[in-house]
Amino acid sequence: MIIANNKKAFFDYFIEEKYEAGIELKGSEVKSIKAGKVSIKESFVRIINDEIFIMGMSVVPWEFGSVYNPEERRVRKLLLHRKEIKKIHEKVKIKGYTIVPLDVHLSKGYVKIQIAIAKGKKNYDKRESTAKKDQERNLKREFKSNNR
């Protein structure tokens, strides 16, 4: 079940490889995320000392939590295997590649995040993909009107 989505990532980047990672969370953050109070629109992923962290991910503090609710935009560690981290690190060293968060979802009761190795699109690529989407939308409209 997808809880939060980063639609802009598909518009701004060419997605190459996807990975599913766990997130190191505090107890009240899990409840807040399951309630849908999370945003990854302005978040980004960094590799620091062979560990992967997500920064800028907003988790609204749990309303029924105690005084010790964690900070809303704190740095959270992502949980991946060492081999996966090394593979991602090697790919990101290449100029133009970055790590982008795609969505936050539940998998067997655990909160997971899908990240991707991506390459940035140029402006003409963005216009091209927008034109392609418009064309597909128009074709669907024509088919729909012909079926009536």
Foldseek 3Di string as FASTA:
>chain_A
DFLEFAPVCVLFWDFDDKDKWAKDDDPQLLVQSVVSQKYCNPKFWDQDPLWIKIFQIARPGRPPDDPPTDDGGDIITIHDDSVVSVVLVVLCVDPQKGKGWGTWDADPNGIMTMITITGTDDPVVSVVVVVVVVVVVVVVVVVVVVVD
